[in-house]
Amino acid sequence: MTTLPDDLGTGPATPADRPAAAPFPVVVLDASGHVVDVNAPAAALLPDARPGEPLTTPAWLAEAHRSPGAAPSGPVGDRFYAATASPLDGGLTAWWLRDETVQRTLTAELEAERRRTRFLAEASSALLASLNLERCMEVTARLAAEHLADAAVVIAQTGARRLPVVVRDQHGRVTRSSVAAAPESVPGLDEALQGFPPVPPRWIDPAAAP
């Protein structure tokens, strides 16, 4: 990841810190929010940022310049940037933009994996706590509705003529019943009861559930 100069934001910038010398986008604004200068990377990233005109895009950067506070960040096109302010002589401010798209993507992927791990740990612990079929079906329906979907229908494989069913709806209500429908009449159910990979949900019509 690109790093900023060690003294960035701690005092007036030196000539070497001016936009033209920066390897990443830098926009210089005056106190009123008008663009004073942009370097080549910034001109390519923000074509509407023209010297002499007020900065309007990205809106989050313009707002941060008007109301200084926490370090601003936001989207620019399909990328995500964070901005750091550095004071310049004459009351000007240089905004240094660094691309954090990859970092945010990796952070989101890491958090998704952590949620998946927590879910698997919770599911394993809850299911191992009971060997009762009905209780396990209820737990499965609850976990699925809480972590994977808005509601869940759990159907167990038994040797009986009727299949036990547990439904947990979007309001958290649990109902139990049994159906005599053949598993093959429900898309993906026959394969799931045999241990095969499930049919992608987008292929299943909710109306086909028993």
Foldseek 3Di string as FASTA:
>chain_A
DDDDDPCAAVAADDPCPDQQNDPAWKFKAALVQQTQDIYPNNCVQCVPRDHPGHDPPPVQVSVCSNPPDPFTKADRVPWIWTWGWGAHPPRMIMITIDTCRVVVVVVVVVVVVVVVVVLVVVLVVLQVVDPDPVSNLLSVQVSCCVPPHQKDKDWADDPDQWIKIWIQHNVRDIDIDIGNDDQVQFQQRVCVNVPHDGDPPVVGDPVSDD
